[in-house]
Amino acid sequence: MFELILAATASTYSFLRRFMPTAIVIDAINTRRGLKWGVLAMLFAVP
């Protein structure tokens, strides 16, 4: 039972991590190249 829950959680996490737009944007901002967009993203998040 625990194995089934763990497998379902891991597959759900990997699916959401791969295909959700917010995760893609956060990953892009956290890269070395994306650091220049971090301040801009924070400014858009304030309003």
PDB file of N, CA and C in Angstrom:
ATOM      1  N   MET A   1       0.829  -1.189   0.000  1.00  0.00           N
ATOM      2  CA  MET A   1       0.000   0.000   0.000  1.00  0.00           C
ATOM      3  C   MET A   1       0.872   1.251   0.000  1.00  0.00           C
ATOM      4  N   PHE A   2       1.881   1.266   0.857  1.00  0.00           N
ATOM      5  CA  PHE A   2       2.771   2.425   0.939  1.00  0.00           C
ATOM      6  C   PHE A   2       3.520   2.614  -0.376  1.00  0.00           C
ATOM      7  N   GLU A   3       3.922   1.513  -1.000  1.00  0.00           N
ATOM      8  CA  GLU A   3       4.624   1.583  -2.284  1.00  0.00           C
ATOM      9  C   GLU A   3       3.752   2.208  -3.357  1.00  0.00           C
ATOM     10  N   LEU A   4       2.480   1.851  -3.367  1.00  0.00           N
ATOM     11  CA  LEU A   4       1.544   2.394  -4.346  1.00  0.00           C
ATOM     12  C   LEU A   4       1.365   3.904  -4.156  1.00  0.00           C
ATOM     13  N   ILE A   5       1.220   4.330  -2.920  1.00  0.00           N
ATOM     14  CA  ILE A   5       1.072   5.759  -2.627  1.00  0.00           C
ATOM     15  C   ILE A   5       2.340   6.512  -3.017  1.00  0.00           C
ATOM     16  N   LEU A   6       3.483   5.951  -2.699  1.00  0.00           N
ATOM     17  CA  LEU A   6       4.755   6.588  -3.036  1.00  0.00           C
ATOM     18  C   LEU A   6       4.943   6.683  -4.546  1.00  0.00           C
ATOM     19  N   ALA A   7       4.601   5.646  -5.273  1.00  0.00           N
ATOM     20  CA  ALA A   7       4.721   5.665  -6.729  1.00  0.00           C
ATOM     21  C   ALA A   7       3.766   6.685  -7.344  1.00  0.00           C
ATOM     22  N   ALA A   8       2.555   6.760  -6.846  1.00  0.00           N
ATOM     23  CA  ALA A   8       1.587   7.729  -7.358  1.00  0.00           C
ATOM     24  C   ALA A   8       2.043   9.154  -7.080  1.00  0.00           C
ATOM     25  N   THR A   9       2.571   9.384  -5.903  1.00  0.00           N
ATOM     26  CA  THR A   9       3.060  10.717  -5.555  1.00  0.00           C
ATOM     27  C   THR A   9       4.246  11.112  -6.420  1.00  0.00           C
ATOM     28  N   ALA A  10       5.165  10.207  -6.629  1.00  0.00           N
ATOM     29  CA  ALA A  10       6.345  10.504  -7.442  1.00  0.00           C
ATOM     30  C   ALA A  10       5.966  10.778  -8.893  1.00  0.00           C
ATOM     31  N   SER A  11       5.049  10.012  -9.435  1.00  0.00           N
ATOM     32  CA  SER A  11       4.662  10.240 -10.828  1.00  0.00           C
ATOM     33  C   SER A  11       3.873  11.533 -10.980  1.00  0.00           C
ATOM     34  N   THR A  12       3.033  11.851 -10.009  1.00  0.00           N
ATOM     35  CA  THR A  12       2.299  13.112 -10.052  1.00  0.00           C
ATOM     36  C   THR A  12       3.250  14.294  -9.954  1.00  0.00           C
ATOM     37  N   TYR A  13       4.214  14.205  -9.058  1.00  0.00           N
ATOM     38  CA  TYR A  13       5.198  15.278  -8.904  1.00  0.00           C
ATOM     39  C   TYR A  13       5.986  15.482 -10.190  1.00  0.00           C
ATOM     40  N   SER A  14       6.449  14.404 -10.809  1.00  0.00           N
ATOM     41  CA  SER A  14       7.243  14.544 -12.025  1.00  0.00           C
ATOM     42  C   SER A  14       6.396  15.099 -13.170  1.00  0.00           C
ATOM     43  N   PHE A  15       5.125  14.700 -13.253  1.00  0.00           N
ATOM     44  CA  PHE A  15       4.245  15.244 -14.289  1.00  0.00           C
ATOM     45  C   PHE A  15       4.032  16.737 -14.092  1.00  0.00           C
ATOM     46  N   LEU A  16       3.700  17.137 -12.864  1.00  0.00           N
ATOM     47  CA  LEU A  16       3.461  18.548 -12.600  1.00  0.00           C
ATOM     48  C   LEU A  16       4.727  19.377 -12.790  1.00  0.00           C
ATOM     49  N   ARG A  17       5.862  18.822 -12.395  1.00  0.00           N
ATOM     50  CA  ARG A  17       7.130  19.532 -12.528  1.00  0.00           C
ATOM     51  C   ARG A  17       7.492  19.731 -13.992  1.00  0.00           C
ATOM     52  N   ARG A  18       7.123  18.790 -14.835  1.00  0.00           N
ATOM     53  CA  ARG A  18       7.509  18.832 -16.239  1.00  0.00           C
ATOM     54  C   ARG A  18       6.590  19.709 -17.075  1.00  0.00           C
ATOM     55  N   PHE A  19       5.280  19.725 -16.775  1.00  0.00           N
ATOM     56  CA  PHE A  19       4.324  20.330 -17.690  1.00  0.00           C
ATOM     57  C   PHE A  19       3.590  21.557 -17.176  1.00  0.00           C
ATOM     58  N   MET A  20       3.723  21.907 -15.913  1.00  0.00           N
ATOM     59  CA  MET A  20       3.026  23.094 -15.431  1.00  0.00           C
ATOM     60  C   MET A  20       3.811  24.355 -15.800  1.00  0.00           C
ATOM     61  N   PRO A  21       3.137  25.366 -16.341  1.00  0.00           N
ATOM     62  CA  PRO A  21       3.842  26.567 -16.795  1.00  0.00           C
ATOM     63  C   PRO A  21       4.593  27.300 -15.682  1.00  0.00           C
ATOM     64  N   THR A  22       4.042  27.302 -14.473  1.00  0.00           N
ATOM     65  CA  THR A  22       4.728  28.027 -13.402  1.00  0.00           C
ATOM     66  C   THR A  22       6.056  27.363 -13.067  1.00  0.00           C
ATOM     67  N   ALA A  23       6.105  26.045 -13.079  1.00  0.00           N
ATOM     68  CA  ALA A  23       7.359  25.350 -12.806  1.00  0.00           C
ATOM     69  C   ALA A  23       8.379  25.621 -13.901  1.00  0.00           C
ATOM     70  N   ILE A  24       7.923  25.700 -15.148  1.00  0.00           N
ATOM     71  CA  ILE A  24       8.827  25.975 -16.263  1.00  0.00           C
ATOM     72  C   ILE A  24       9.403  27.377 -16.121  1.00  0.00           C
ATOM     73  N   VAL A  25       8.565  28.356 -15.753  1.00  0.00           N
ATOM     74  CA  VAL A  25       9.040  29.735 -15.589  1.00  0.00           C
ATOM     75  C   VAL A  25      10.006  29.828 -14.416  1.00  0.00           C
ATOM     76  N   ILE A  26       9.685  29.191 -13.308  1.00  0.00           N
ATOM     77  CA  ILE A  26      10.574  29.233 -12.142  1.00  0.00           C
ATOM     78  C   ILE A  26      11.914  28.590 -12.462  1.00  0.00           C
ATOM     79  N   ASP A  27      11.904  27.465 -13.167  1.00  0.00           N
ATOM     80  CA  ASP A  27      13.161  26.827 -13.555  1.00  0.00           C
ATOM     81  C   ASP A  27      13.973  27.720 -14.485  1.00  0.00           C
ATOM     82  N   ALA A  28      13.295  28.425 -15.388  1.00  0.00           N
ATOM     83  CA  ALA A  28      14.003  29.312 -16.318  1.00  0.00           C
ATOM     84  C   ALA A  28      14.625  30.489 -15.581  1.00  0.00           C
ATOM     85  N   ILE A  29      13.924  31.012 -14.589  1.00  0.00           N
ATOM     86  CA  ILE A  29      14.454  32.148 -13.833  1.00  0.00           C
ATOM     87  C   ILE A  29      15.624  31.714 -12.962  1.00  0.00           C
ATOM     88  N   ASN A  30      15.586  30.499 -12.433  1.00  0.00           N
ATOM     89  CA  ASN A  30      16.629  30.040 -11.520  1.00  0.00           C
ATOM     90  C   ASN A  30      17.918  29.613 -12.206  1.00  0.00           C
ATOM     91  N   THR A  31      17.957  29.553 -13.517  1.00  0.00           N
ATOM     92  CA  THR A  31      19.201  29.207 -14.196  1.00  0.00           C
ATOM     93  C   THR A  31      20.129  30.417 -14.221  1.00  0.00           C
ATOM     94  N   ARG A  32      21.369  30.192 -14.551  1.00  0.00           N
ATOM     95  CA  ARG A  32      22.345  31.275 -14.595  1.00  0.00           C
ATOM     96  C   ARG A  32      21.966  32.318 -15.660  1.00  0.00           C
ATOM     97  N   ARG A  33      21.474  31.844 -16.802  1.00  0.00           N
ATOM     98  CA  ARG A  33      21.059  32.751 -17.872  1.00  0.00           C
ATOM     99  C   ARG A  33      19.797  33.515 -17.509  1.00  0.00           C
ATOM    100  N   GLY A  34      18.948  32.900 -16.706  1.00  0.00           N
ATOM    101  CA  GLY A  34      17.665  33.515 -16.373  1.00  0.00           C
ATOM    102  C   GLY A  34      17.719  34.483 -15.215  1.00  0.00           C
ATOM    103  N   LEU A  35      18.882  34.658 -14.608  1.00  0.00           N
ATOM    104  CA  LEU A  35      18.976  35.550 -13.458  1.00  0.00           C
ATOM    105  C   LEU A  35      18.632  36.989 -13.821  1.00  0.00           C
ATOM    106  N   LYS A  36      18.882  37.385 -15.052  1.00  0.00           N
ATOM    107  CA  LYS A  36      18.565  38.750 -15.453  1.00  0.00           C
ATOM    108  C   LYS A  36      17.060  38.997 -15.476  1.00  0.00           C
ATOM    109  N   TRP A  37      16.258  37.939 -15.560  1.00  0.00           N
ATOM    110  CA  TRP A  37      14.806  38.087 -15.576  1.00  0.00           C
ATOM    111  C   TRP A  37      14.207  38.019 -14.175  1.00  0.00           C
ATOM    112  N   GLY A  38      15.014  37.715 -13.166  1.00  0.00           N
ATOM    113  CA  GLY A  38      14.497  37.569 -11.803  1.00  0.00           C
ATOM    114  C   GLY A  38      13.914  38.848 -11.244  1.00  0.00           C
ATOM    115  N   VAL A  39      14.622  39.964 -11.441  1.00  0.00           N
ATOM    116  CA  VAL A  39      14.149  41.251 -10.926  1.00  0.00           C
ATOM    117  C   VAL A  39      12.872  41.663 -11.651  1.00  0.00           C
ATOM    118  N   LEU A  40      12.847  41.460 -12.948  1.00  0.00           N
ATOM    119  CA  LEU A  40      11.651  41.794 -13.725  1.00  0.00           C
ATOM    120  C   LEU A  40      10.449  40.962 -13.273  1.00  0.00           C
ATOM    121  N   ALA A  41      10.683  39.686 -13.013  1.00  0.00           N
ATOM    122  CA  ALA A  41       9.599  38.814 -12.548  1.00  0.00           C
ATOM    123  C   ALA A  41       9.093  39.255 -11.176  1.00  0.00           C
ATOM    124  N   MET A  42       9.997  39.693 -10.312  1.00  0.00           N
ATOM    125  CA  MET A  42       9.578  40.174  -8.997  1.00  0.00           C
ATOM    126  C   MET A  42       8.763  41.459  -9.116  1.00  0.00           C
ATOM    127  N   LEU A  43       9.143  42.342 -10.046  1.00  0.00           N
ATOM    128  CA  LEU A  43       8.391  43.565 -10.235  1.00  0.00           C
ATOM    129  C   LEU A  43       6.978  43.300 -10.746  1.00  0.00           C
ATOM    130  N   PHE A  44       6.830  42.299 -11.621  1.00  0.00           N
ATOM    131  CA  PHE A  44       5.496  41.949 -12.100  1.00  0.00           C
ATOM    132  C   PHE A  44       4.681  41.253 -11.017  1.00  0.00           C
ATOM    133  N   ALA A  45       5.333  40.585 -10.085  1.00  0.00           N
ATOM    134  CA  ALA A  45       4.624  39.860  -9.041  1.00  0.00           C
ATOM    135  C   ALA A  45       4.074  40.770  -7.964  1.00  0.00           C
ATOM    136  N   VAL A  46       4.678  41.952  -7.788  1.00  0.00           N
ATOM    137  CA  VAL A  46       4.248  42.868  -6.722  1.00  0.00           C
ATOM    138  C   VAL A  46       2.821  43.370  -6.929  1.00  0.00           C
ATOM    139  N   PRO A  47       2.454  43.889  -8.125  1.00  0.00           N
ATOM    140  CA  PRO A  47       1.078  44.391  -8.279  1.00  0.00           C
ATOM    141  C   PRO A  47       0.094  43.239  -8.266  1.00  0.00           C
TER     142      PRO A  47
END
